[in-house]
C-alpha atoms as a PDB file:
ATOM      1  CA  UNK A   1     -84.276-124.945  -7.381  1.00  0.00           C
ATOM      2  CA  UNK A   2     -84.113-128.269  -5.648  1.00  0.00           C
ATOM      3  CA  UNK A   3     -86.837-130.838  -5.946  1.00  0.00           C
ATOM      4  CA  UNK A   4     -87.949-130.205  -2.367  1.00  0.00           C
ATOM      5  CA  UNK A   5     -88.318-126.464  -3.018  1.00  0.00           C
ATOM      6  CA  UNK A   6     -90.341-127.223  -6.116  1.00  0.00           C
ATOM      7  CA  UNK A   7     -92.641-129.505  -4.190  1.00  0.00           C
ATOM      8  CA  UNK A   8     -93.078-126.895  -1.502  1.00  0.00           C
ATOM      9  CA  UNK A   9     -93.987-124.218  -4.047  1.00  0.00           C
ATOM     10  CA  UNK A  10     -96.462-126.536  -5.721  1.00  0.00           C
ATOM     11  CA  UNK A  11     -98.034-127.397  -2.392  1.00  0.00           C
ATOM     12  CA  UNK A  12     -98.461-123.729  -1.553  1.00  0.00           C
ATOM     13  CA  UNK A  13     -99.985-123.066  -4.920  1.00  0.00           C
ATOM     14  CA  UNK A  14    -102.286-126.106  -4.492  1.00  0.00           C
ATOM     15  CA  UNK A  15    -103.430-124.818  -1.117  1.00  0.00           C
ATOM     16  CA  UNK A  16    -104.114-121.356  -2.631  1.00  0.00           C
ATOM     17  CA  UNK A  17    -106.193-122.886  -5.367  1.00  0.00           C
ATOM     18  CA  UNK A  18    -108.111-125.001  -2.899  1.00  0.00           C
ATOM     19  CA  UNK A  19    -108.953-122.050  -0.665  1.00  0.00           C
ATOM     20  CA  UNK A  20    -110.198-119.928  -3.550  1.00  0.00           C
ATOM     21  CA  UNK A  21    -113.979-119.450  -3.577  1.00  0.00           C
ATOM     22  CA  UNK A  22    -115.842-121.315  -6.222  1.00  0.00           C
ATOM     23  CA  UNK A  23    -116.490-118.888  -9.056  1.00  0.00           C
ATOM     24  CA  UNK A  24    -118.317-121.392 -11.163  1.00  0.00           C
ATOM     25  CA  UNK A  25    -117.273-123.002 -14.333  1.00  0.00           C
ATOM     26  CA  UNK A  26    -115.036-120.920 -16.579  1.00  0.00           C
ATOM     27  CA  UNK A  27    -115.407-121.339 -20.300  1.00  0.00           C
ATOM     28  CA  UNK A  28    -111.924-121.539 -21.717  1.00  0.00           C
ATOM     29  CA  UNK A  29    -111.253-121.467 -25.447  1.00  0.00           C
ATOM     30  CA  UNK A  30    -110.675-124.798 -27.080  1.00  0.00           C
ATOM     31  CA  UNK A  31    -107.333-123.811 -28.615  1.00  0.00           C
ATOM     32  CA  UNK A  32    -105.848-122.665 -25.278  1.00  0.00           C
ATOM     33  CA  UNK A  33    -102.411-124.250 -24.888  1.00  0.00           C
ATOM     34  CA  UNK A  34    -101.826-126.311 -21.780  1.00  0.00           C
ATOM     35  CA  UNK A  35    -100.321-124.434 -18.815  1.00  0.00           C
ATOM     36  CA  UNK A  36     -97.405-126.100 -17.160  1.00  0.00           C
ATOM     37  CA  UNK A  37     -94.899-125.093 -14.521  1.00  0.00           C
ATOM     38  CA  UNK A  38     -92.396-123.733 -17.060  1.00  0.00           C
ATOM     39  CA  UNK A  39     -94.931-121.317 -18.551  1.00  0.00           C
ATOM     40  CA  UNK A  40     -95.846-120.006 -15.103  1.00  0.00           C
ATOM     41  CA  UNK A  41     -92.182-119.445 -14.211  1.00  0.00           C
ATOM     42  CA  UNK A  42     -91.639-117.557 -17.505  1.00  0.00           C
ATOM     43  CA  UNK A  43     -94.603-115.237 -16.857  1.00  0.00           C
ATOM     44  CA  UNK A  44     -93.468-114.525 -13.298  1.00  0.00           C
ATOM     45  CA  UNK A  45     -89.953-113.808 -14.546  1.00  0.00           C
ATOM     46  CA  UNK A  46     -91.263-111.351 -17.151  1.00  0.00           C
ATOM     47  CA  UNK A  47     -93.427-109.677 -14.516  1.00  0.00           C
ATOM     48  CA  UNK A  48     -90.438-109.310 -12.247  1.00  0.00           C
ATOM     49  CA  UNK A  49     -88.424-107.655 -15.011  1.00  0.00           C
ATOM     50  CA  UNK A  50     -91.218-105.181 -15.652  1.00  0.00           C
ATOM     51  CA  UNK A  51     -91.460-104.348 -11.964  1.00  0.00           C
ATOM     52  CA  UNK A  52     -87.696-103.768 -11.849  1.00  0.00           C
ATOM     53  CA  UNK A  53     -87.859-101.418 -14.852  1.00  0.00           C
ATOM     54  CA  UNK A  54     -90.740 -99.468 -13.334  1.00  0.00           C
ATOM     55  CA  UNK A  55     -88.840 -99.216 -10.066  1.00  0.00           C
ATOM     56  CA  UNK A  56     -85.737 -97.834 -11.825  1.00  0.00           C
ATOM     57  CA  UNK A  57     -87.857 -95.286 -13.774  1.00  0.00           C
ATOM     58  CA  UNK A  58     -89.574 -94.180 -10.582  1.00  0.00           C
ATOM     59  CA  UNK A  59     -86.237 -93.838  -8.801  1.00  0.00           C
ATOM     60  CA  UNK A  60     -84.791 -91.722 -11.684  1.00  0.00           C
ATOM     61  CA  UNK A  61     -87.894 -89.523 -11.690  1.00  0.00           C
ATOM     62  CA  UNK A  62     -87.588 -88.974  -7.949  1.00  0.00           C
ATOM     63  CA  UNK A  63     -83.923 -88.056  -8.260  1.00  0.00           C
ATOM     64  CA  UNK A  64     -84.660 -85.577 -11.089  1.00  0.00           C
ATOM     65  CA  UNK A  65     -87.485 -83.994  -9.091  1.00  0.00           C
ATOM     66  CA  UNK A  66     -85.168 -83.614  -6.129  1.00  0.00           C
ATOM     67  CA  UNK A  67     -82.522 -81.898  -8.288  1.00  0.00           C
ATOM     68  CA  UNK A  68     -85.113 -79.520  -9.708  1.00  0.00           C
ATOM     69  CA  UNK A  69     -86.332 -78.688  -6.231  1.00  0.00           C
ATOM     70  CA  UNK A  70     -82.790 -77.957  -5.064  1.00  0.00           C
ATOM     71  CA  UNK A  71     -82.149 -75.677  -8.037  1.00  0.00           C
ATOM     72  CA  UNK A  72     -85.425 -73.861  -7.434  1.00  0.00           C
ATOM     73  CA  UNK A  73     -84.491 -73.285  -3.787  1.00  0.00           C
ATOM     74  CA  UNK A  74     -81.086 -71.971  -4.825  1.00  0.00           C
ATOM     75  CA  UNK A  75     -82.708 -69.572  -7.339  1.00  0.00           C
ATOM     76  CA  UNK A  76     -85.122 -68.297  -4.688  1.00  0.00           C
ATOM     77  CA  UNK A  77     -82.255 -67.743  -2.287  1.00  0.00           C
ATOM     78  CA  UNK A  78     -80.259 -65.878  -4.960  1.00  0.00           C
ATOM     79  CA  UNK A  79     -83.219 -63.638  -5.824  1.00  0.00           C
ATOM     80  CA  UNK A  80     -83.766 -62.896  -2.152  1.00  0.00           C
ATOM     81  CA  UNK A  81     -80.118 -61.864  -1.714  1.00  0.00           C
ATOM     82  CA  UNK A  82     -80.110 -59.415  -4.711  1.00  0.00           C
ATOM     83  CA  UNK A  83     -80.283 -55.736  -3.734  1.00  0.00           C
ATOM     84  CA  UNK A  84     -83.439 -53.944  -4.759  1.00  0.00           C
ATOM     85  CA  UNK A  85     -83.006 -51.808  -7.849  1.00  0.00           C
ATOM     86  CA  UNK A  86     -84.044 -48.193  -7.443  1.00  0.00           C
ATOM     87  CA  UNK A  87     -85.939 -46.589 -10.318  1.00  0.00           C
ATOM     88  CA  UNK A  88     -86.260 -42.816 -10.781  1.00  0.00           C
ATOM     89  CA  UNK A  89     -89.724 -41.352 -10.383  1.00  0.00           C
ATOM     90  CA  UNK A  90     -91.853 -41.104 -13.550  1.00  0.00           C
ATOM     91  CA  UNK A  91     -91.631 -37.317 -13.513  1.00  0.00           C
ATOM     92  CA  UNK A  92     -87.835 -37.404 -13.791  1.00  0.00           C
ATOM     93  CA  UNK A  93     -88.042 -39.860 -16.690  1.00  0.00           C
ATOM     94  CA  UNK A  94     -90.602 -37.783 -18.601  1.00  0.00           C
ATOM     95  CA  UNK A  95     -88.934 -34.419 -18.020  1.00  0.00           C
ATOM     96  CA  UNK A  96     -86.185 -34.752 -20.722  1.00  0.00           C
ATOM     97  CA  UNK A  97     -88.778 -35.932 -23.240  1.00  0.00           C
ATOM     98  CA  UNK A  98     -91.031 -32.977 -22.504  1.00  0.00           C
ATOM     99  CA  UNK A  99     -88.092 -30.575 -22.775  1.00  0.00           C
ATOM    100  CA  UNK A 100     -87.243 -32.003 -26.194  1.00  0.00           C
ATOM    101  CA  UNK A 101     -90.879 -31.646 -27.260  1.00  0.00           C
ATOM    102  CA  UNK A 102     -90.963 -28.018 -26.112  1.00  0.00           C
ATOM    103  CA  UNK A 103     -87.739 -27.267 -28.026  1.00  0.00           C
ATOM    104  CA  UNK A 104     -89.237 -28.791 -31.173  1.00  0.00           C
ATOM    105  CA  UNK A 105     -92.245 -26.515 -30.756  1.00  0.00           C
ATOM    106  CA  UNK A 106     -89.952 -23.471 -30.526  1.00  0.00           C
ATOM    107  CA  UNK A 107     -88.066 -24.435 -33.693  1.00  0.00           C
ATOM    108  CA  UNK A 108     -91.288 -25.044 -35.622  1.00  0.00           C
ATOM    109  CA  UNK A 109     -92.738 -21.734 -34.458  1.00  0.00           C
ATOM    110  CA  UNK A 110     -89.580 -19.883 -35.515  1.00  0.00           C
ATOM    111  CA  UNK A 111     -89.678 -21.576 -38.933  1.00  0.00           C
ATOM    112  CA  UNK A 112     -93.352 -20.665 -39.336  1.00  0.00           C
ATOM    113  CA  UNK A 113     -92.586 -17.018 -38.560  1.00  0.00           C
ATOM    114  CA  UNK A 114     -89.836 -16.944 -41.199  1.00  0.00           C
ATOM    115  CA  UNK A 115     -92.058 -18.552 -43.850  1.00  0.00           C
ATOM    116  CA  UNK A 116     -94.918 -16.113 -43.150  1.00  0.00           C
ATOM    117  CA  UNK A 117     -92.506 -13.171 -43.426  1.00  0.00           C
ATOM    118  CA  UNK A 118     -91.182 -14.477 -46.746  1.00  0.00           C
ATOM    119  CA  UNK A 119     -94.776 -14.931 -47.938  1.00  0.00           C
ATOM    120  CA  UNK A 120     -95.566 -11.253 -47.287  1.00  0.00           C
ATOM    121  CA  UNK A 121     -92.306 -10.077 -48.875  1.00  0.00           C
ATOM    122  CA  UNK A 122     -92.997 -12.185 -51.942  1.00  0.00           C
ATOM    123  CA  UNK A 123     -96.500 -10.708 -52.287  1.00  0.00           C
ATOM    124  CA  UNK A 124     -95.140  -7.157 -52.068  1.00  0.00           C
ATOM    125  CA  UNK A 125     -92.387  -7.827 -54.614  1.00  0.00           C
ATOM    126  CA  UNK A 126     -94.814  -9.478 -57.020  1.00  0.00           C
ATOM    127  CA  UNK A 127     -97.274  -6.586 -56.773  1.00  0.00           C
ATOM    128  CA  UNK A 128     -94.500  -4.116 -57.644  1.00  0.00           C
ATOM    129  CA  UNK A 129     -93.324  -6.253 -60.560  1.00  0.00           C
ATOM    130  CA  UNK A 130     -96.876  -6.711 -61.811  1.00  0.00           C
ATOM    131  CA  UNK A 131     -97.435  -2.949 -61.684  1.00  0.00           C
ATOM    132  CA  UNK A 132     -94.349  -2.459 -63.868  1.00  0.00           C
ATOM    133  CA  UNK A 133     -95.487  -5.083 -66.379  1.00  0.00           C
ATOM    134  CA  UNK A 134     -98.970  -3.566 -66.673  1.00  0.00           C
ATOM    135  CA  UNK A 135     -97.596  -0.286 -68.091  1.00  0.00           C
ATOM    136  CA  UNK A 136     -99.077   0.239 -71.520  1.00  0.00           C
ATOM    137  CA  UNK A 137     -96.709   0.939 -74.371  1.00  0.00           C
ATOM    138  CA  UNK A 138     -97.597   4.388 -75.764  1.00  0.00           C
ATOM    139  CA  UNK A 139     -98.779   4.784 -79.300  1.00  0.00           C
ATOM    140  CA  UNK A 140     -96.136   5.954 -81.790  1.00  0.00           C
ATOM    141  CA  UNK A 141     -97.098   9.005 -83.858  1.00  0.00           C
ATOM    142  CA  UNK A 142     -96.982   8.680 -87.612  1.00  0.00           C
ATOM    143  CA  UNK A 143     -93.706   9.723 -89.227  1.00  0.00           C
ATOM    144  CA  UNK A 144     -93.243  11.121 -92.729  1.00  0.00           C
ATOM    145  CA  UNK A 145     -92.467   8.644 -95.438  1.00  0.00           C
ATOM    146  CA  UNK A 146     -88.779   8.477 -96.331  1.00  0.00           C
ATOM    147  CA  UNK A 147     -87.569   9.531 -92.909  1.00  0.00           C
ATOM    148  CA  UNK A 148     -84.198   8.111 -91.873  1.00  0.00           C
ATOM    149  CA  UNK A 149     -85.392   7.420 -88.349  1.00  0.00           C
ATOM    150  CA  UNK A 150     -87.201   4.226 -89.146  1.00  0.00           C
ATOM    151  CA  UNK A 151     -85.122   1.288 -90.300  1.00  0.00           C
ATOM    152  CA  UNK A 152     -85.944  -2.338 -90.792  1.00  0.00           C
ATOM    153  CA  UNK A 153     -83.412  -5.066 -90.257  1.00  0.00           C
ATOM    154  CA  UNK A 154     -82.508  -7.386 -93.093  1.00  0.00           C
ATOM    155  CA  UNK A 155     -79.983 -10.142 -92.925  1.00  0.00           C
ATOM    156  CA  UNK A 156     -77.665 -10.627 -95.893  1.00  0.00           C
ATOM    157  CA  UNK A 157     -75.125 -13.286 -96.634  1.00  0.00           C
ATOM    158  CA  UNK A 158     -72.229 -12.680 -99.039  1.00  0.00           C
ATOM    159  CA  UNK A 159     -71.364 -15.384-101.627  1.00  0.00           C
ATOM    160  CA  UNK A 160     -68.300 -17.545-101.140  1.00  0.00           C
ATOM    161  CA  UNK A 161     -66.250 -15.836-103.846  1.00  0.00           C
ATOM    162  CA  UNK A 162     -66.721 -12.325-102.364  1.00  0.00           C
ATOM    163  CA  UNK A 163     -63.696 -12.780-100.131  1.00  0.00           C
ATOM    164  CA  UNK A 164     -61.399 -13.314-103.136  1.00  0.00           C
ATOM    165  CA  UNK A 165     -63.006 -10.601-105.246  1.00  0.00           C
ATOM    166  CA  UNK A 166     -62.492  -7.809-102.715  1.00  0.00           C
ATOM    167  CA  UNK A 167     -59.751  -6.851-100.302  1.00  0.00           C
ATOM    168  CA  UNK A 168     -62.271  -6.060 -97.563  1.00  0.00           C
ATOM    169  CA  UNK A 169     -63.441  -9.039 -95.507  1.00  0.00           C
ATOM    170  CA  UNK A 170     -66.755 -10.474 -96.580  1.00  0.00           C
ATOM    171  CA  UNK A 171     -69.645 -10.356 -94.054  1.00  0.00           C
ATOM    172  CA  UNK A 172     -70.311 -13.572 -92.233  1.00  0.00           C
ATOM    173  CA  UNK A 173     -73.622 -15.326 -91.813  1.00  0.00           C
ATOM    174  CA  UNK A 174     -74.120 -13.751 -88.390  1.00  0.00           C
ATOM    175  CA  UNK A 175     -73.576 -10.167 -89.544  1.00  0.00           C
ATOM    176  CA  UNK A 176     -76.591  -8.026 -90.327  1.00  0.00           C
ATOM    177  CA  UNK A 177     -77.033  -4.855 -92.349  1.00  0.00           C
ATOM    178  CA  UNK A 178     -79.698  -2.228 -92.104  1.00  0.00           C
ATOM    179  CA  UNK A 179     -81.513  -0.825 -95.083  1.00  0.00           C
ATOM    180  CA  UNK A 180     -83.665   2.207 -95.234  1.00  0.00           C
ATOM    181  CA  UNK A 181     -87.413   1.612 -95.048  1.00  0.00           C
ATOM    182  CA  UNK A 182     -89.877   3.527 -97.046  1.00  0.00           C
ATOM    183  CA  UNK A 183     -92.519   3.553 -94.240  1.00  0.00           C
ATOM    184  CA  UNK A 184     -90.956   4.033 -90.740  1.00  0.00           C
ATOM    185  CA  UNK A 185     -94.356   4.146 -88.995  1.00  0.00           C
ATOM    186  CA  UNK A 186     -95.188   0.565 -90.035  1.00  0.00           C
ATOM    187  CA  UNK A 187     -91.820  -0.701 -88.830  1.00  0.00           C
ATOM    188  CA  UNK A 188     -92.206   0.995 -85.453  1.00  0.00           C
ATOM    189  CA  UNK A 189     -95.772  -0.277 -85.101  1.00  0.00           C
ATOM    190  CA  UNK A 190     -94.568  -3.814 -85.845  1.00  0.00           C
ATOM    191  CA  UNK A 191     -91.874  -3.445 -83.178  1.00  0.00           C
ATOM    192  CA  UNK A 192     -94.456  -2.091 -80.709  1.00  0.00           C
ATOM    193  CA  UNK A 193     -96.786  -5.055 -81.258  1.00  0.00           C
ATOM    194  CA  UNK A 194     -93.915  -7.511 -80.839  1.00  0.00           C
ATOM    195  CA  UNK A 195     -92.844  -5.807 -77.600  1.00  0.00           C
ATOM    196  CA  UNK A 196     -96.411  -5.845 -76.269  1.00  0.00           C
ATOM    197  CA  UNK A 197     -96.685  -9.566 -77.046  1.00  0.00           C
ATOM    198  CA  UNK A 198     -93.456 -10.250 -75.185  1.00  0.00           C
ATOM    199  CA  UNK A 199     -94.685  -8.233 -72.191  1.00  0.00           C
ATOM    200  CA  UNK A 200     -97.947 -10.208 -72.133  1.00  0.00           C
ATOM    201  CA  UNK A 201     -96.078 -13.508 -72.302  1.00  0.00           C
ATOM    202  CA  UNK A 202     -93.752 -12.502 -69.457  1.00  0.00           C
ATOM    203  CA  UNK A 203     -96.768 -11.352 -67.412  1.00  0.00           C
ATOM    204  CA  UNK A 204     -98.501 -14.721 -67.857  1.00  0.00           C
ATOM    205  CA  UNK A 205     -95.360 -16.666 -66.939  1.00  0.00           C
ATOM    206  CA  UNK A 206     -94.835 -14.573 -63.809  1.00  0.00           C
ATOM    207  CA  UNK A 207     -98.470 -15.029 -62.803  1.00  0.00           C
ATOM    208  CA  UNK A 208     -98.203 -18.811 -63.180  1.00  0.00           C
ATOM    209  CA  UNK A 209     -94.958 -18.958 -61.204  1.00  0.00           C
ATOM    210  CA  UNK A 210     -96.464 -16.701 -58.537  1.00  0.00           C
ATOM    211  CA  UNK A 211     -99.457 -19.002 -58.096  1.00  0.00           C
ATOM    212  CA  UNK A 212     -97.206 -22.056 -57.798  1.00  0.00           C
ATOM    213  CA  UNK A 213     -94.926 -20.341 -55.289  1.00  0.00           C
ATOM    214  CA  UNK A 214     -97.851 -19.060 -53.210  1.00  0.00           C
ATOM    215  CA  UNK A 215     -99.395 -22.549 -53.214  1.00  0.00           C
ATOM    216  CA  UNK A 216     -96.137 -24.077 -51.981  1.00  0.00           C
ATOM    217  CA  UNK A 217     -95.710 -21.473 -49.238  1.00  0.00           C
ATOM    218  CA  UNK A 218     -99.335 -21.815 -48.117  1.00  0.00           C
ATOM    219  CA  UNK A 219     -98.960 -25.603 -47.929  1.00  0.00           C
ATOM    220  CA  UNK A 220     -95.780 -25.208 -45.889  1.00  0.00           C
ATOM    221  CA  UNK A 221     -97.511 -22.776 -43.514  1.00  0.00           C
ATOM    222  CA  UNK A 222    -100.450 -25.158 -43.097  1.00  0.00           C
ATOM    223  CA  UNK A 223     -98.076 -28.040 -42.327  1.00  0.00           C
ATOM    224  CA  UNK A 224     -96.251 -26.013 -39.673  1.00  0.00           C
ATOM    225  CA  UNK A 225     -99.543 -24.985 -38.057  1.00  0.00           C
ATOM    226  CA  UNK A 226    -100.799 -28.584 -37.963  1.00  0.00           C
ATOM    227  CA  UNK A 227     -97.556 -29.731 -36.308  1.00  0.00           C
ATOM    228  CA  UNK A 228     -97.763 -26.958 -33.707  1.00  0.00           C
ATOM    229  CA  UNK A 229    -101.397 -27.804 -32.924  1.00  0.00           C
ATOM    230  CA  UNK A 230    -100.509 -31.465 -32.476  1.00  0.00           C
ATOM    231  CA  UNK A 231     -97.695 -30.641 -30.044  1.00  0.00           C
ATOM    232  CA  UNK A 232    -100.070 -28.367 -28.107  1.00  0.00           C
ATOM    233  CA  UNK A 233    -102.519 -31.243 -27.713  1.00  0.00           C
ATOM    234  CA  UNK A 234     -99.767 -33.578 -26.505  1.00  0.00           C
ATOM    235  CA  UNK A 235     -98.558 -31.020 -23.947  1.00  0.00           C
ATOM    236  CA  UNK A 236    -102.110 -30.489 -22.721  1.00  0.00           C
ATOM    237  CA  UNK A 237    -102.619 -34.254 -22.350  1.00  0.00           C
ATOM    238  CA  UNK A 238     -99.586 -34.566 -20.037  1.00  0.00           C
ATOM    239  CA  UNK A 239    -100.686 -31.602 -17.913  1.00  0.00           C
ATOM    240  CA  UNK A 240     -98.346 -28.949 -19.317  1.00  0.00           C
ATOM    241  CA  UNK A 241     -99.759 -25.428 -18.774  1.00  0.00           C
ATOM    242  CA  UNK A 242     -98.772 -22.359 -20.816  1.00  0.00           C
ATOM    243  CA  UNK A 243     -97.926 -19.363 -18.638  1.00  0.00           C
ATOM    244  CA  UNK A 244    -100.028 -16.250 -19.426  1.00  0.00           C
ATOM    245  CA  UNK A 245     -97.750 -13.355 -20.403  1.00  0.00           C
ATOM    246  CA  UNK A 246     -99.185 -10.965 -23.033  1.00  0.00           C
ATOM    247  CA  UNK A 247    -100.706  -7.917 -21.344  1.00  0.00           C
ATOM    248  CA  UNK A 248     -99.700  -9.132 -17.884  1.00  0.00           C
ATOM    249  CA  UNK A 249     -97.584  -7.269 -15.360  1.00  0.00           C
ATOM    250  CA  UNK A 250     -94.013  -8.537 -15.372  1.00  0.00           C
ATOM    251  CA  UNK A 251     -93.480 -11.241 -12.745  1.00  0.00           C
ATOM    252  CA  UNK A 252     -89.839 -12.240 -12.139  1.00  0.00           C
ATOM    253  CA  UNK A 253     -90.952 -15.524 -10.589  1.00  0.00           C
ATOM    254  CA  UNK A 254     -91.720 -17.025 -13.980  1.00  0.00           C
ATOM    255  CA  UNK A 255     -90.623 -14.401 -16.564  1.00  0.00           C
ATOM    256  CA  UNK A 256     -87.290 -13.307 -18.035  1.00  0.00           C
ATOM    257  CA  UNK A 257     -86.825  -9.916 -19.718  1.00  0.00           C
ATOM    258  CA  UNK A 258     -84.941 -10.082 -23.015  1.00  0.00           C
ATOM    259  CA  UNK A 259     -85.681  -6.513 -24.139  1.00  0.00           C
ATOM    260  CA  UNK A 260     -87.334  -3.344 -22.880  1.00  0.00           C
ATOM    261  CA  UNK A 261     -89.294  -1.083 -25.245  1.00  0.00           C
ATOM    262  CA  UNK A 262     -90.674   2.414 -24.941  1.00  0.00           C
ATOM    263  CA  UNK A 263     -94.426   2.761 -25.429  1.00  0.00           C
ATOM    264  CA  UNK A 264     -96.223   5.772 -23.870  1.00  0.00           C
ATOM    265  CA  UNK A 265     -99.624   4.176 -24.510  1.00  0.00           C
ATOM    266  CA  UNK A 266     -98.876   1.132 -22.351  1.00  0.00           C
ATOM    267  CA  UNK A 267     -98.443   0.842 -18.617  1.00  0.00           C
ATOM    268  CA  UNK A 268     -94.819   0.405 -17.461  1.00  0.00           C
ATOM    269  CA  UNK A 269     -93.690  -3.107 -16.568  1.00  0.00           C
ATOM    270  CA  UNK A 270     -96.344  -4.551 -18.871  1.00  0.00           C
ATOM    271  CA  UNK A 271     -95.477  -7.463 -21.167  1.00  0.00           C
ATOM    272  CA  UNK A 272     -95.952  -6.276 -24.753  1.00  0.00           C
ATOM    273  CA  UNK A 273     -94.599  -9.351 -26.583  1.00  0.00           C
ATOM    274  CA  UNK A 274     -93.751 -12.951 -25.765  1.00  0.00           C
ATOM    275  CA  UNK A 275     -90.476 -14.068 -27.315  1.00  0.00           C
ATOM    276  CA  UNK A 276     -90.603 -17.639 -25.946  1.00  0.00           C
ATOM    277  CA  UNK A 277     -93.425 -19.352 -24.116  1.00  0.00           C
ATOM    278  CA  UNK A 278     -93.099 -20.507 -20.532  1.00  0.00           C
ATOM    279  CA  UNK A 279     -94.647 -23.619 -18.986  1.00  0.00           C
ATOM    280  CA  UNK A 280     -95.888 -24.899 -15.645  1.00  0.00           C
ATOM    281  CA  UNK A 281     -95.983 -28.648 -14.976  1.00  0.00           C
ATOM    282  CA  UNK A 282     -97.195 -30.611 -11.956  1.00  0.00           C
ATOM    283  CA  UNK A 283     -97.617 -27.485  -9.882  1.00  0.00           C
ATOM    284  CA  UNK A 284     -94.057 -26.236 -10.470  1.00  0.00           C
ATOM    285  CA  UNK A 285     -92.254 -24.030 -12.973  1.00  0.00           C
ATOM    286  CA  UNK A 286     -91.009 -26.015 -15.969  1.00  0.00           C
ATOM    287  CA  UNK A 287     -89.473 -23.166 -18.016  1.00  0.00           C
ATOM    288  CA  UNK A 288     -89.274 -19.383 -17.730  1.00  0.00           C
ATOM    289  CA  UNK A 289     -91.102 -17.252 -20.285  1.00  0.00           C
ATOM    290  CA  UNK A 290     -88.941 -14.798 -22.230  1.00  0.00           C
ATOM    291  CA  UNK A 291     -90.768 -11.509 -22.818  1.00  0.00           C
ATOM    292  CA  UNK A 292     -90.408  -7.896 -23.906  1.00  0.00           C
ATOM    293  CA  UNK A 293     -91.475  -5.369 -21.248  1.00  0.00           C
ATOM    294  CA  UNK A 294     -92.521  -1.734 -21.514  1.00  0.00           C
ATOM    295  CA  UNK A 295     -90.082   0.437 -19.581  1.00  0.00           C
ATOM    296  CA  UNK A 296     -91.002   3.510 -17.625  1.00  0.00           C
ATOM    297  CA  UNK A 297     -90.665   6.802 -19.515  1.00  0.00           C
ATOM    298  CA  UNK A 298     -88.804   9.558 -17.645  1.00  0.00           C
END
């Protein structure tokens, strides 16, 4: 700056100070350094730098906001140009799931029928076997002493030199010989008691195994029934209705005949057994019921 410019600036500053209202005396600290023209210029220069930095930051923020706004407008335009996606109605989505659930019910019901049939067959077989094991062994009449009918078994073992002493082969340790018994009745009675003990032991083992098997089958039947009841509750919650068939007149609108039977006590065209349940859902037929129908007798 030239000297004239400096004098002009000082004059303007002097005029500004003169026109300021009198605010009274200001108590300045004693250690305040003197303020000269150079200090004022330095402070103004620093202030100018700060203003420039704030201006640049504001300009960058405005540019970034503008870019974000442009990208947002482009995204809105792209979303508006996308074709609307068509979704199937909820009934069409749920129908395959319900069909799978109904098939599971059929398989569980078939398995339950097989297990119940095996349970009855096992009970019948065990009753027959138990009746055979409960047969009492008859008493043996006394026999005369010295009779050759009764024999007791004794095991003998030849010494090691018997093979060399005789041309005939010596009996081995597993061979057994039979000697005459003086009292055949006692030997037979001993055999009878041993046989009765073996029968009692076999009877107890079969009874224990029968109880374990029956417990396992009963638990399996209970599990199947609980699963079927749970599926029935789920089907009822979604509005699935079971078609009435047993004792009803055959209706081809929702029934399929898988077999015809002859029964003079029943009315012709009457459903006597349901092979597979049918269902109605949302006012329409979901699955035909498969039934057995009484045919007319000529």
